[in-house]
């Protein structure tokens, strides 16, 4: 099996403008996870290039990509990925520690984000003491604490009920609108995708459609 290869993405060309909120949809095997991994500097394209804020990062080393992830990207996952033995505030601090940005002034930023997400009353709580929606809000706070250029959310409502999913999507929409955070979200749920301002549908590694959900019109190419 080690000699078998396949092309996950074919002739995909996308431009993302700062402040956009994009949903990526597609069936299993459509290429959306591969695209997400490339955008998140977790994988490098075997062909073509990926430019982040005008810089081609396609040939960067693993260490250079790790530095970009720490300083320029935020991640939100379906399973929250919180550290169970650390408190809410300690989980949120982690990106600052990795990026060597944790200072005495950081506490103001942390409190500001926690208050924005309705978490100020849970500073000393552990993840096991929180509901699923609260855990995801902690994960979102952790993802944006470094003021990332791009927030990547991989099925962020996948483990939540419908009511809590709406709450989490409301949080993401507010962050996009109020803080102009660029968000790319992967989901298989059409109702979730409709919260985005632009929906990209992949099929067999190709872009099947790229449009604004409320207008149905194609989105022009733009530069991120």
N, C-alpha and C. Protein backbone atom coordinates (compact mmCIF):
# COMPACT_ATOMS: atom_id res chain seq x y z
N UNK A 1 0.82 -1.20 0.00
CA UNK A 1 0.00 0.00 0.00
C UNK A 1 0.86 1.26 0.00
N UNK A 2 2.14 1.09 0.42
CA UNK A 2 3.00 2.27 0.49
C UNK A 2 3.31 2.86 -0.87
N UNK A 3 3.14 2.09 -1.95
CA UNK A 3 3.44 2.59 -3.29
C UNK A 3 2.22 3.20 -3.98
N UNK A 4 1.06 3.13 -3.34
CA UNK A 4 -0.16 3.66 -3.94
C UNK A 4 -0.28 5.14 -3.64
N UNK A 5 -0.52 5.94 -4.67
CA UNK A 5 -0.69 7.38 -4.47
C UNK A 5 -1.97 7.83 -5.16
N UNK A 6 -2.51 8.94 -4.69
CA UNK A 6 -3.70 9.51 -5.31
C UNK A 6 -3.65 11.02 -5.16
N UNK A 7 -4.41 11.70 -5.98
CA UNK A 7 -4.47 13.16 -5.94
C UNK A 7 -5.69 13.59 -5.15
N UNK A 8 -5.47 14.25 -4.01
CA UNK A 8 -6.58 14.65 -3.14
C UNK A 8 -7.25 15.92 -3.63
N UNK A 9 -6.46 16.83 -4.23
CA UNK A 9 -6.99 18.08 -4.77
C UNK A 9 -6.53 18.25 -6.20
N UNK A 10 -7.43 18.73 -7.06
CA UNK A 10 -7.12 18.87 -8.48
C UNK A 10 -7.43 20.29 -8.94
N UNK A 11 -6.40 21.01 -9.35
CA UNK A 11 -6.58 22.34 -9.94
C UNK A 11 -7.43 23.26 -9.06
N UNK A 12 -7.22 23.21 -7.76
CA UNK A 12 -7.97 24.08 -6.84
C UNK A 12 -7.25 25.42 -6.75
N UNK A 13 -7.95 26.49 -7.09
CA UNK A 13 -7.40 27.84 -7.02
C UNK A 13 -8.38 28.72 -6.25
N UNK A 14 -7.96 29.19 -5.10
CA UNK A 14 -8.83 29.99 -4.24
C UNK A 14 -8.09 31.21 -3.73
N UNK A 15 -8.82 32.30 -3.56
CA UNK A 15 -8.30 33.49 -2.90
C UNK A 15 -9.23 33.85 -1.76
N UNK A 16 -8.66 34.23 -0.64
CA UNK A 16 -9.45 34.56 0.54
C UNK A 16 -9.08 35.96 1.00
N UNK A 17 -10.08 36.80 1.17
CA UNK A 17 -9.86 38.16 1.63
C UNK A 17 -9.94 38.24 3.14
N UNK A 18 -9.14 39.10 3.74
CA UNK A 18 -9.20 39.29 5.19
C UNK A 18 -10.63 39.67 5.59
N UNK A 19 -11.13 39.03 6.64
CA UNK A 19 -12.46 39.31 7.15
C UNK A 19 -13.55 38.44 6.56
N UNK A 20 -13.21 37.55 5.64
CA UNK A 20 -14.22 36.66 5.07
C UNK A 20 -14.60 35.57 6.07
N UNK A 21 -15.80 35.03 5.88
CA UNK A 21 -16.27 33.87 6.63
C UNK A 21 -16.68 32.84 5.59
N UNK A 22 -15.89 31.78 5.47
CA UNK A 22 -16.07 30.79 4.40
C UNK A 22 -16.39 29.43 5.00
N UNK A 23 -17.36 28.75 4.42
CA UNK A 23 -17.66 27.36 4.78
C UNK A 23 -17.24 26.46 3.63
N UNK A 24 -16.56 25.37 3.96
CA UNK A 24 -16.16 24.37 2.97
C UNK A 24 -16.99 23.12 3.19
N UNK A 25 -17.68 22.68 2.15
CA UNK A 25 -18.52 21.50 2.24
C UNK A 25 -18.08 20.45 1.22
N UNK A 26 -18.50 19.22 1.46
CA UNK A 26 -18.19 18.14 0.53
C UNK A 26 -18.34 16.80 1.21
N UNK A 27 -18.60 15.79 0.42
CA UNK A 27 -18.74 14.44 0.96
C UNK A 27 -17.38 13.92 1.43
N UNK A 28 -17.40 12.81 2.13
CA UNK A 28 -16.15 12.17 2.56
C UNK A 28 -15.30 11.85 1.33
N UNK A 29 -14.03 12.22 1.37
CA UNK A 29 -13.15 11.98 0.23
C UNK A 29 -13.16 13.09 -0.81
N UNK A 30 -13.88 14.17 -0.53
CA UNK A 30 -13.97 15.26 -1.50
C UNK A 30 -12.72 16.12 -1.54
N UNK A 31 -11.90 16.04 -0.49
CA UNK A 31 -10.68 16.83 -0.44
C UNK A 31 -10.72 17.96 0.56
N UNK A 32 -11.83 18.10 1.29
CA UNK A 32 -11.95 19.24 2.20
C UNK A 32 -10.96 19.16 3.37
N UNK A 33 -10.69 17.96 3.87
CA UNK A 33 -9.72 17.82 4.96
C UNK A 33 -8.31 18.15 4.48
N UNK A 34 -7.98 17.71 3.27
CA UNK A 34 -6.67 18.03 2.69
C UNK A 34 -6.51 19.53 2.51
N UNK A 35 -7.55 20.18 1.99
CA UNK A 35 -7.51 21.62 1.81
C UNK A 35 -7.34 22.33 3.15
N UNK A 36 -8.07 21.86 4.16
CA UNK A 36 -7.98 22.46 5.49
C UNK A 36 -6.56 22.29 6.05
N UNK A 37 -5.96 21.13 5.84
CA UNK A 37 -4.60 20.89 6.34
C UNK A 37 -3.57 21.77 5.66
N UNK A 38 -3.77 22.04 4.38
CA UNK A 38 -2.85 22.93 3.67
C UNK A 38 -3.02 24.36 4.16
N UNK A 39 -4.27 24.80 4.30
CA UNK A 39 -4.52 26.15 4.81
C UNK A 39 -3.96 26.32 6.22
N UNK A 40 -4.00 25.24 7.00
CA UNK A 40 -3.51 25.29 8.37
C UNK A 40 -2.03 25.00 8.51
N UNK A 41 -1.31 24.91 7.39
CA UNK A 41 0.14 24.64 7.40
C UNK A 41 0.47 23.33 8.11
N UNK A 42 -0.45 22.38 8.06
CA UNK A 42 -0.21 21.05 8.59
C UNK A 42 0.35 20.13 7.51
N UNK A 43 0.00 20.42 6.26
CA UNK A 43 0.53 19.70 5.10
C UNK A 43 1.02 20.71 4.08
N UNK A 44 1.90 20.26 3.19
CA UNK A 44 2.38 21.10 2.10
C UNK A 44 1.87 20.54 0.78
N UNK A 45 1.45 21.39 -0.15
CA UNK A 45 0.97 20.89 -1.44
C UNK A 45 2.11 20.25 -2.22
N UNK A 46 1.82 19.13 -2.89
CA UNK A 46 2.84 18.47 -3.70
C UNK A 46 3.07 19.22 -5.01
N UNK A 47 2.06 19.98 -5.43
CA UNK A 47 2.17 20.84 -6.61
C UNK A 47 1.48 22.17 -6.29
N UNK A 48 1.87 23.20 -7.05
CA UNK A 48 1.27 24.50 -6.82
C UNK A 48 1.85 25.17 -5.60
N UNK A 49 1.18 26.20 -5.11
CA UNK A 49 1.69 26.92 -3.96
C UNK A 49 0.54 27.44 -3.10
N UNK A 50 0.89 27.77 -1.87
CA UNK A 50 -0.05 28.34 -0.91
C UNK A 50 0.59 29.59 -0.33
N UNK A 51 -0.05 30.73 -0.56
CA UNK A 51 0.46 31.99 -0.05
C UNK A 51 -0.40 32.46 1.12
N UNK A 52 0.24 32.77 2.22
CA UNK A 52 -0.44 33.29 3.40
C UNK A 52 0.02 34.72 3.62
N UNK A 53 -0.91 35.65 3.50
CA UNK A 53 -0.60 37.08 3.60
C UNK A 53 0.52 37.47 2.64
N UNK A 54 0.43 36.93 1.42
CA UNK A 54 1.37 37.29 0.37
C UNK A 54 2.68 36.54 0.38
N UNK A 55 2.88 35.65 1.35
CA UNK A 55 4.13 34.89 1.45
C UNK A 55 3.89 33.44 1.06
N UNK A 56 4.65 32.94 0.10
CA UNK A 56 4.53 31.55 -0.32
C UNK A 56 5.16 30.65 0.75
N UNK A 57 4.31 29.89 1.44
CA UNK A 57 4.80 29.03 2.53
C UNK A 57 4.91 27.57 2.09
N UNK A 58 4.71 27.31 0.80
CA UNK A 58 4.66 25.94 0.30
C UNK A 58 5.94 25.15 0.54
N UNK A 59 7.07 25.84 0.52
CA UNK A 59 8.36 25.16 0.66
C UNK A 59 9.00 25.38 2.03
N UNK A 60 8.22 25.90 2.96
CA UNK A 60 8.76 26.13 4.30
C UNK A 60 9.07 24.81 4.99
N UNK A 61 10.04 24.83 5.88
CA UNK A 61 10.39 23.64 6.65
C UNK A 61 9.32 23.37 7.70
N UNK A 62 9.39 22.19 8.31
CA UNK A 62 8.42 21.84 9.36
C UNK A 62 8.49 22.82 10.52
N UNK A 63 9.69 23.23 10.88
CA UNK A 63 9.84 24.18 11.98
C UNK A 63 9.26 25.55 11.62
N UNK A 64 9.47 25.96 10.38
CA UNK A 64 8.93 27.25 9.93
C UNK A 64 7.40 27.21 9.89
N UNK A 65 6.84 26.09 9.44
CA UNK A 65 5.39 25.94 9.42
C UNK A 65 4.83 25.92 10.83
N UNK A 66 5.54 25.29 11.75
CA UNK A 66 5.10 25.26 13.15
C UNK A 66 5.07 26.67 13.73
N UNK A 67 6.04 27.47 13.37
CA UNK A 67 6.08 28.86 13.85
C UNK A 67 4.91 29.66 13.31
N UNK A 68 4.57 29.43 12.05
CA UNK A 68 3.42 30.11 11.46
C UNK A 68 2.14 29.69 12.16
N UNK A 69 1.99 28.40 12.43
CA UNK A 69 0.80 27.92 13.14
C UNK A 69 0.67 28.58 14.51
N UNK A 70 1.78 28.74 15.19
CA UNK A 70 1.76 29.33 16.52
C UNK A 70 1.41 30.82 16.50
N UNK A 71 1.89 31.51 15.47
CA UNK A 71 1.78 32.97 15.46
C UNK A 71 0.65 33.52 14.60
N UNK A 72 0.25 32.78 13.56
CA UNK A 72 -0.69 33.35 12.60
C UNK A 72 -2.01 32.59 12.45
N UNK A 73 -2.10 31.40 13.04
CA UNK A 73 -3.28 30.57 12.81
C UNK A 73 -3.93 30.16 14.12
N UNK A 74 -5.25 30.03 14.08
CA UNK A 74 -5.99 29.52 15.22
C UNK A 74 -6.80 28.32 14.77
N UNK A 75 -6.95 27.32 15.65
CA UNK A 75 -7.64 26.08 15.28
C UNK A 75 -8.75 25.76 16.28
N UNK A 76 -9.89 25.36 15.74
CA UNK A 76 -11.01 24.88 16.56
C UNK A 76 -11.41 23.52 16.01
N UNK A 77 -11.52 22.52 16.90
CA UNK A 77 -11.77 21.15 16.47
C UNK A 77 -13.11 20.63 16.98
N UNK A 78 -13.58 19.58 16.34
CA UNK A 78 -14.84 18.94 16.72
C UNK A 78 -14.79 18.44 18.16
N UNK A 79 -13.65 17.89 18.57
CA UNK A 79 -13.53 17.28 19.90
C UNK A 79 -12.93 18.22 20.93
N UNK A 80 -12.90 19.51 20.64
CA UNK A 80 -12.45 20.57 21.55
C UNK A 80 -10.93 20.56 21.77
N UNK A 81 -10.34 19.36 22.00
CA UNK A 81 -8.89 19.23 22.21
C UNK A 81 -8.37 20.11 23.35
N UNK A 82 -9.13 20.16 24.44
CA UNK A 82 -8.68 20.88 25.64
C UNK A 82 -7.86 19.94 26.52
N UNK A 83 -6.95 20.50 27.29
CA UNK A 83 -6.17 19.70 28.23
C UNK A 83 -6.99 19.53 29.50
N UNK A 84 -7.30 18.28 29.82
CA UNK A 84 -8.22 17.99 30.90
C UNK A 84 -7.74 18.36 32.29
N UNK A 85 -6.44 18.39 32.49
CA UNK A 85 -5.90 18.66 33.83
C UNK A 85 -5.49 20.11 34.03
N UNK A 86 -5.83 20.95 33.08
CA UNK A 86 -5.54 22.38 33.21
C UNK A 86 -6.83 23.17 33.21
N UNK A 87 -6.83 24.29 33.89
CA UNK A 87 -8.04 25.10 34.03
C UNK A 87 -8.38 25.80 32.71
N UNK A 88 -9.54 26.43 32.71
CA UNK A 88 -9.98 27.18 31.53
C UNK A 88 -8.94 28.23 31.15
N UNK A 89 -8.54 29.04 32.11
CA UNK A 89 -7.60 30.11 31.79
C UNK A 89 -6.25 29.56 31.35
N UNK A 90 -5.83 28.44 31.91
CA UNK A 90 -4.56 27.83 31.50
C UNK A 90 -4.64 27.27 30.09
N UNK A 91 -5.78 26.71 29.71
CA UNK A 91 -5.97 26.25 28.33
C UNK A 91 -5.89 27.42 27.36
N UNK A 92 -6.51 28.53 27.72
CA UNK A 92 -6.52 29.69 26.83
C UNK A 92 -5.13 30.29 26.68
N UNK A 93 -4.31 30.19 27.72
CA UNK A 93 -2.96 30.74 27.70
C UNK A 93 -1.99 29.99 26.80
N UNK A 94 -2.29 28.74 26.50
CA UNK A 94 -1.32 27.87 25.83
C UNK A 94 -0.68 28.47 24.57
N UNK A 95 -1.46 29.03 23.63
CA UNK A 95 -0.82 29.60 22.43
C UNK A 95 0.15 30.73 22.76
N UNK A 96 -0.15 31.50 23.80
CA UNK A 96 0.74 32.58 24.20
C UNK A 96 2.06 32.02 24.73
N UNK A 97 1.96 30.90 25.44
CA UNK A 97 3.17 30.25 25.96
C UNK A 97 4.02 29.71 24.82
N UNK A 98 3.37 29.01 23.87
CA UNK A 98 4.10 28.44 22.74
C UNK A 98 4.76 29.52 21.88
N UNK A 99 4.07 30.65 21.74
CA UNK A 99 4.59 31.75 20.93
C UNK A 99 5.50 32.68 21.73
N UNK A 100 5.72 32.34 23.00
CA UNK A 100 6.57 33.14 23.90
C UNK A 100 6.06 34.57 24.00
N UNK A 101 4.73 34.70 24.11
CA UNK A 101 4.10 36.01 24.22
C UNK A 101 3.40 36.22 25.56
N UNK A 102 3.52 35.26 26.46
CA UNK A 102 2.83 35.36 27.75
C UNK A 102 3.57 36.36 28.65
N UNK A 103 2.91 37.48 28.94
CA UNK A 103 3.49 38.53 29.78
C UNK A 103 2.48 38.92 30.86
N UNK A 104 2.89 39.83 31.71
CA UNK A 104 1.96 40.31 32.74
C UNK A 104 0.75 40.99 32.12
N UNK A 105 0.96 41.60 30.95
CA UNK A 105 -0.15 42.29 30.28
C UNK A 105 -1.11 41.31 29.61
N UNK A 106 -0.70 40.06 29.48
CA UNK A 106 -1.54 39.07 28.80
C UNK A 106 -2.84 38.83 29.54
N UNK A 107 -2.84 39.00 30.86
CA UNK A 107 -4.04 38.73 31.64
C UNK A 107 -5.20 39.62 31.21
N UNK A 108 -4.89 40.85 30.79
CA UNK A 108 -5.94 41.75 30.31
C UNK A 108 -6.56 41.21 29.03
N UNK A 109 -5.72 40.75 28.13
CA UNK A 109 -6.20 40.18 26.86
C UNK A 109 -7.02 38.92 27.12
N UNK A 110 -6.55 38.07 28.01
CA UNK A 110 -7.26 36.83 28.33
C UNK A 110 -8.63 37.14 28.92
N UNK A 111 -8.68 38.09 29.85
CA UNK A 111 -9.96 38.44 30.47
C UNK A 111 -10.91 39.04 29.43
N UNK A 112 -10.37 39.87 28.55
CA UNK A 112 -11.19 40.48 27.50
C UNK A 112 -11.85 39.41 26.63
N UNK A 113 -11.07 38.42 26.21
CA UNK A 113 -11.59 37.35 25.36
C UNK A 113 -12.59 36.50 26.13
N UNK A 114 -12.28 36.17 27.38
CA UNK A 114 -13.19 35.36 28.19
C UNK A 114 -14.52 36.07 28.40
N UNK A 115 -14.45 37.37 28.64
CA UNK A 115 -15.68 38.14 28.82
C UNK A 115 -16.48 38.19 27.52
N UNK A 116 -15.78 38.36 26.41
CA UNK A 116 -16.44 38.40 25.10
C UNK A 116 -17.21 37.12 24.83
N UNK A 117 -16.67 35.99 25.28
CA UNK A 117 -17.28 34.69 25.02
C UNK A 117 -18.10 34.17 26.19
N UNK A 118 -18.33 35.01 27.20
CA UNK A 118 -19.16 34.61 28.33
C UNK A 118 -18.51 33.57 29.22
N UNK A 119 -17.20 33.64 29.37
CA UNK A 119 -16.46 32.63 30.14
C UNK A 119 -15.83 33.20 31.40
N UNK A 120 -16.10 34.46 31.71
CA UNK A 120 -15.38 35.09 32.83
C UNK A 120 -15.65 34.42 34.17
N UNK A 121 -16.76 33.69 34.29
CA UNK A 121 -17.07 33.02 35.55
C UNK A 121 -16.50 31.62 35.66
N UNK A 122 -15.69 31.21 34.69
CA UNK A 122 -15.18 29.83 34.66
C UNK A 122 -13.66 29.75 34.67
N UNK A 123 -12.99 30.78 35.13
CA UNK A 123 -11.53 30.84 35.06
C UNK A 123 -10.85 29.62 35.67
N UNK A 124 -11.32 29.20 36.84
CA UNK A 124 -10.67 28.11 37.55
C UNK A 124 -11.28 26.75 37.32
N UNK A 125 -12.28 26.68 36.44
CA UNK A 125 -12.92 25.40 36.16
C UNK A 125 -12.06 24.54 35.24
N UNK A 126 -12.30 23.23 35.31
CA UNK A 126 -11.65 22.28 34.41
C UNK A 126 -12.63 21.88 33.31
N UNK A 127 -12.14 21.45 32.16
CA UNK A 127 -13.02 21.09 31.05
C UNK A 127 -14.14 20.13 31.44
N UNK A 128 -13.85 19.16 32.30
CA UNK A 128 -14.86 18.17 32.69
C UNK A 128 -16.02 18.79 33.46
N UNK A 129 -15.84 20.00 33.95
CA UNK A 129 -16.88 20.69 34.70
C UNK A 129 -17.74 21.58 33.80
N UNK A 130 -17.47 21.57 32.51
CA UNK A 130 -18.17 22.44 31.56
C UNK A 130 -19.05 21.64 30.62
N UNK A 131 -20.07 22.29 30.09
CA UNK A 131 -20.90 21.67 29.06
C UNK A 131 -20.13 21.66 27.74
N UNK A 132 -20.68 20.94 26.75
CA UNK A 132 -20.03 20.89 25.44
C UNK A 132 -19.90 22.26 24.81
N UNK A 133 -20.95 23.06 24.91
CA UNK A 133 -20.91 24.40 24.34
C UNK A 133 -19.89 25.28 25.02
N UNK A 134 -19.79 25.16 26.35
CA UNK A 134 -18.80 25.93 27.09
C UNK A 134 -17.38 25.51 26.73
N UNK A 135 -17.17 24.20 26.57
CA UNK A 135 -15.85 23.71 26.17
C UNK A 135 -15.46 24.24 24.80
N UNK A 136 -16.42 24.29 23.89
CA UNK A 136 -16.10 24.79 22.56
C UNK A 136 -15.80 26.28 22.60
N UNK A 137 -16.46 27.02 23.47
CA UNK A 137 -16.15 28.44 23.62
C UNK A 137 -14.75 28.65 24.18
N UNK A 138 -14.34 27.77 25.10
CA UNK A 138 -12.96 27.82 25.60
C UNK A 138 -11.98 27.55 24.45
N UNK A 139 -12.31 26.57 23.61
CA UNK A 139 -11.46 26.24 22.46
C UNK A 139 -11.37 27.42 21.50
N UNK A 140 -12.48 28.13 21.30
CA UNK A 140 -12.48 29.30 20.43
C UNK A 140 -11.64 30.42 21.04
N UNK A 141 -11.79 30.61 22.35
CA UNK A 141 -10.98 31.63 23.04
C UNK A 141 -9.49 31.33 22.88
N UNK A 142 -9.13 30.06 23.05
CA UNK A 142 -7.73 29.66 22.87
C UNK A 142 -7.26 29.93 21.44
N UNK A 143 -8.15 29.71 20.48
CA UNK A 143 -7.78 29.86 19.07
C UNK A 143 -7.56 31.31 18.67
N UNK A 144 -8.23 32.24 19.34
CA UNK A 144 -8.12 33.65 18.93
C UNK A 144 -7.26 34.49 19.87
N UNK A 145 -6.73 33.88 20.93
CA UNK A 145 -5.98 34.66 21.92
C UNK A 145 -4.76 35.33 21.31
N UNK A 146 -4.19 34.73 20.26
CA UNK A 146 -3.00 35.29 19.59
C UNK A 146 -3.37 36.26 18.47
N UNK A 147 -4.67 36.58 18.35
CA UNK A 147 -5.14 37.44 17.26
C UNK A 147 -4.66 36.90 15.91
N UNK A 148 -5.07 35.67 15.56
CA UNK A 148 -4.56 35.02 14.35
C UNK A 148 -5.02 35.68 13.06
N UNK A 149 -4.23 35.50 12.02
CA UNK A 149 -4.63 35.99 10.70
C UNK A 149 -5.78 35.16 10.14
N UNK A 150 -5.84 33.89 10.54
CA UNK A 150 -6.84 32.97 10.00
C UNK A 150 -7.28 32.00 11.08
N UNK A 151 -8.60 31.87 11.25
CA UNK A 151 -9.17 30.90 12.19
C UNK A 151 -9.76 29.75 11.40
N UNK A 152 -9.30 28.53 11.67
CA UNK A 152 -9.76 27.33 10.98
C UNK A 152 -10.60 26.50 11.94
N UNK A 153 -11.83 26.24 11.56
CA UNK A 153 -12.76 25.48 12.41
C UNK A 153 -13.18 24.21 11.68
N UNK A 154 -12.77 23.07 12.21
CA UNK A 154 -13.04 21.77 11.59
C UNK A 154 -14.22 21.10 12.28
N UNK A 155 -15.39 21.12 11.64
CA UNK A 155 -16.62 20.55 12.20
C UNK A 155 -16.82 21.00 13.66
N UNK A 156 -16.83 22.30 13.93
CA UNK A 156 -16.87 22.78 15.32
C UNK A 156 -18.16 22.45 16.06
N UNK A 157 -19.22 22.09 15.32
CA UNK A 157 -20.49 21.75 15.97
C UNK A 157 -20.79 20.26 15.90
N UNK A 158 -19.82 19.47 15.45
CA UNK A 158 -20.05 18.05 15.22
C UNK A 158 -20.46 17.26 16.43
N UNK A 159 -20.04 17.68 17.63
CA UNK A 159 -20.37 16.96 18.86
C UNK A 159 -21.41 17.68 19.71
N UNK A 160 -22.12 18.63 19.11
CA UNK A 160 -23.06 19.45 19.86
C UNK A 160 -24.49 19.24 19.38
N UNK A 161 -25.45 19.44 20.28
CA UNK A 161 -26.85 19.37 19.87
C UNK A 161 -27.20 20.62 19.07
N UNK A 162 -28.40 20.64 18.49
CA UNK A 162 -28.76 21.72 17.57
C UNK A 162 -28.79 23.08 18.25
N UNK A 163 -29.31 23.14 19.48
CA UNK A 163 -29.39 24.42 20.19
C UNK A 163 -27.99 24.96 20.50
N UNK A 164 -27.12 24.09 20.99
CA UNK A 164 -25.76 24.50 21.32
C UNK A 164 -24.98 24.84 20.05
N UNK A 165 -25.25 24.13 18.96
CA UNK A 165 -24.60 24.43 17.68
C UNK A 165 -24.91 25.86 17.25
N UNK A 166 -26.17 26.27 17.42
CA UNK A 166 -26.56 27.64 17.06
C UNK A 166 -25.82 28.66 17.91
N UNK A 167 -25.63 28.34 19.20
CA UNK A 167 -24.91 29.25 20.08
C UNK A 167 -23.46 29.40 19.64
N UNK A 168 -22.82 28.28 19.30
CA UNK A 168 -21.42 28.32 18.87
C UNK A 168 -21.29 29.08 17.55
N UNK A 169 -22.21 28.85 16.63
CA UNK A 169 -22.15 29.56 15.36
C UNK A 169 -22.40 31.05 15.55
N UNK A 170 -23.24 31.40 16.51
CA UNK A 170 -23.46 32.81 16.82
C UNK A 170 -22.18 33.45 17.31
N UNK A 171 -21.42 32.72 18.13
CA UNK A 171 -20.13 33.21 18.62
C UNK A 171 -19.18 33.46 17.44
N UNK A 172 -19.07 32.50 16.53
CA UNK A 172 -18.17 32.64 15.38
C UNK A 172 -18.60 33.80 14.48
N UNK A 173 -19.90 33.92 14.26
CA UNK A 173 -20.41 35.02 13.43
C UNK A 173 -20.09 36.37 14.06
N UNK A 174 -20.25 36.47 15.38
CA UNK A 174 -19.94 37.72 16.07
C UNK A 174 -18.46 38.06 15.99
N UNK A 175 -17.61 37.05 16.14
CA UNK A 175 -16.17 37.29 16.04
C UNK A 175 -15.79 37.77 14.65
N UNK A 176 -16.40 37.18 13.65
CA UNK A 176 -16.14 37.59 12.27
C UNK A 176 -16.62 39.02 12.02
N UNK A 177 -17.78 39.32 12.54
CA UNK A 177 -18.38 40.64 12.30
C UNK A 177 -17.73 41.74 13.15
N UNK A 178 -17.54 41.48 14.43
CA UNK A 178 -17.07 42.51 15.35
C UNK A 178 -15.55 42.67 15.35
N UNK A 179 -14.81 41.56 15.15
CA UNK A 179 -13.35 41.62 15.22
C UNK A 179 -12.69 41.43 13.86
N UNK A 180 -13.51 41.24 12.82
CA UNK A 180 -13.01 41.07 11.46
C UNK A 180 -12.04 39.90 11.34
N UNK A 181 -12.31 38.83 12.11
CA UNK A 181 -11.47 37.64 12.06
C UNK A 181 -11.83 36.82 10.82
N UNK A 182 -10.84 36.45 10.05
CA UNK A 182 -11.06 35.60 8.88
C UNK A 182 -11.29 34.17 9.35
N UNK A 183 -12.40 33.57 8.91
CA UNK A 183 -12.76 32.23 9.37
C UNK A 183 -12.99 31.31 8.18
N UNK A 184 -12.38 30.14 8.23
CA UNK A 184 -12.68 29.07 7.27
C UNK A 184 -13.18 27.88 8.07
N UNK A 185 -14.38 27.44 7.76
CA UNK A 185 -15.05 26.39 8.53
C UNK A 185 -15.36 25.20 7.63
N UNK A 186 -15.06 24.01 8.10
CA UNK A 186 -15.44 22.78 7.40
C UNK A 186 -16.66 22.18 8.07
N UNK A 187 -17.67 21.87 7.30
CA UNK A 187 -18.88 21.26 7.86
C UNK A 187 -19.57 20.42 6.79
N UNK A 188 -20.33 19.42 7.25
CA UNK A 188 -21.15 18.65 6.32
C UNK A 188 -22.62 19.04 6.45
N UNK A 189 -22.90 20.01 7.35
CA UNK A 189 -24.28 20.42 7.60
C UNK A 189 -24.59 21.72 6.85
N UNK A 190 -25.58 21.65 5.99
CA UNK A 190 -25.94 22.82 5.18
C UNK A 190 -26.41 23.98 6.04
N UNK A 191 -27.17 23.69 7.11
CA UNK A 191 -27.67 24.76 7.98
C UNK A 191 -26.52 25.51 8.65
N UNK A 192 -25.46 24.78 8.99
CA UNK A 192 -24.29 25.42 9.59
C UNK A 192 -23.56 26.26 8.55
N UNK A 193 -23.41 25.72 7.36
CA UNK A 193 -22.69 26.42 6.29
C UNK A 193 -23.37 27.74 5.91
N UNK A 194 -24.68 27.80 6.04
CA UNK A 194 -25.42 29.00 5.66
C UNK A 194 -25.09 30.20 6.54
N UNK A 195 -24.44 29.97 7.67
CA UNK A 195 -24.01 31.08 8.51
C UNK A 195 -22.84 31.84 7.89
N UNK A 196 -22.13 31.19 6.99
CA UNK A 196 -20.97 31.82 6.34
C UNK A 196 -21.43 32.77 5.25
N UNK A 197 -20.52 33.63 4.85
CA UNK A 197 -20.82 34.58 3.77
C UNK A 197 -20.47 34.01 2.40
N UNK A 198 -19.75 32.89 2.42
CA UNK A 198 -19.31 32.26 1.17
C UNK A 198 -19.21 30.77 1.41
N UNK A 199 -19.73 29.98 0.48
CA UNK A 199 -19.71 28.52 0.61
C UNK A 199 -18.97 27.92 -0.58
N UNK A 200 -17.97 27.11 -0.27
CA UNK A 200 -17.21 26.40 -1.30
C UNK A 200 -17.53 24.92 -1.18
N UNK A 201 -17.99 24.32 -2.26
CA UNK A 201 -18.33 22.90 -2.27
C UNK A 201 -17.29 22.15 -3.09
N UNK A 202 -16.70 21.12 -2.48
CA UNK A 202 -15.71 20.29 -3.17
C UNK A 202 -16.31 18.94 -3.54
N UNK A 203 -15.86 18.41 -4.67
CA UNK A 203 -16.25 17.06 -5.09
C UNK A 203 -15.09 16.45 -5.84
N UNK A 204 -14.66 15.28 -5.39
CA UNK A 204 -13.55 14.57 -6.04
C UNK A 204 -12.32 15.45 -6.20
N UNK A 205 -12.04 16.27 -5.18
CA UNK A 205 -10.85 17.09 -5.19
C UNK A 205 -10.94 18.36 -6.00
N UNK A 206 -12.11 18.66 -6.56
CA UNK A 206 -12.28 19.86 -7.37
C UNK A 206 -13.34 20.76 -6.75
N UNK A 207 -13.26 22.06 -7.08
CA UNK A 207 -14.27 23.01 -6.61
C UNK A 207 -15.51 22.87 -7.47
N UNK A 208 -16.59 22.38 -6.87
CA UNK A 208 -17.85 22.21 -7.60
C UNK A 208 -18.59 23.53 -7.69
N UNK A 209 -18.56 24.31 -6.60
CA UNK A 209 -19.20 25.62 -6.60
C UNK A 209 -18.53 26.52 -5.57
N UNK A 210 -18.64 27.82 -5.80
CA UNK A 210 -18.05 28.82 -4.91
C UNK A 210 -18.95 30.04 -5.00
N UNK A 211 -19.81 30.22 -3.99
CA UNK A 211 -20.81 31.27 -4.09
C UNK A 211 -21.19 31.83 -2.73
N UNK A 212 -21.84 32.99 -2.76
CA UNK A 212 -22.40 33.58 -1.55
C UNK A 212 -23.76 32.94 -1.31
N UNK A 213 -24.02 32.36 -0.12
CA UNK A 213 -25.23 31.58 0.10
C UNK A 213 -26.53 32.35 -0.06
N UNK A 214 -26.51 33.64 0.21
CA UNK A 214 -27.75 34.40 0.18
C UNK A 214 -28.04 35.00 -1.20
N UNK A 215 -27.02 34.98 -2.08
CA UNK A 215 -27.24 35.55 -3.41
C UNK A 215 -27.18 34.50 -4.50
N UNK A 216 -26.40 33.43 -4.23
CA UNK A 216 -26.25 32.38 -5.23
C UNK A 216 -25.32 32.75 -6.36
N UNK A 217 -24.68 33.92 -6.25
CA UNK A 217 -23.80 34.37 -7.32
C UNK A 217 -22.36 33.94 -7.06
N UNK A 218 -21.60 33.66 -8.10
CA UNK A 218 -20.19 33.28 -7.92
C UNK A 218 -19.41 34.38 -7.22
N UNK A 219 -18.43 33.98 -6.42
CA UNK A 219 -17.59 34.94 -5.72
C UNK A 219 -16.36 35.24 -6.56
N UNK A 220 -16.06 36.52 -6.83
CA UNK A 220 -14.89 36.85 -7.63
C UNK A 220 -13.61 36.52 -6.90
N UNK A 221 -12.56 36.29 -7.68
CA UNK A 221 -11.25 35.97 -7.11
C UNK A 221 -10.69 37.18 -6.38
N UNK A 222 -10.18 36.95 -5.18
CA UNK A 222 -9.59 38.02 -4.39
C UNK A 222 -8.33 37.51 -3.71
N UNK A 223 -7.56 38.44 -3.18
CA UNK A 223 -6.26 38.08 -2.62
C UNK A 223 -6.31 38.15 -1.10
N UNK A 224 -5.81 37.10 -0.44
CA UNK A 224 -5.72 37.08 1.03
C UNK A 224 -4.32 37.53 1.45
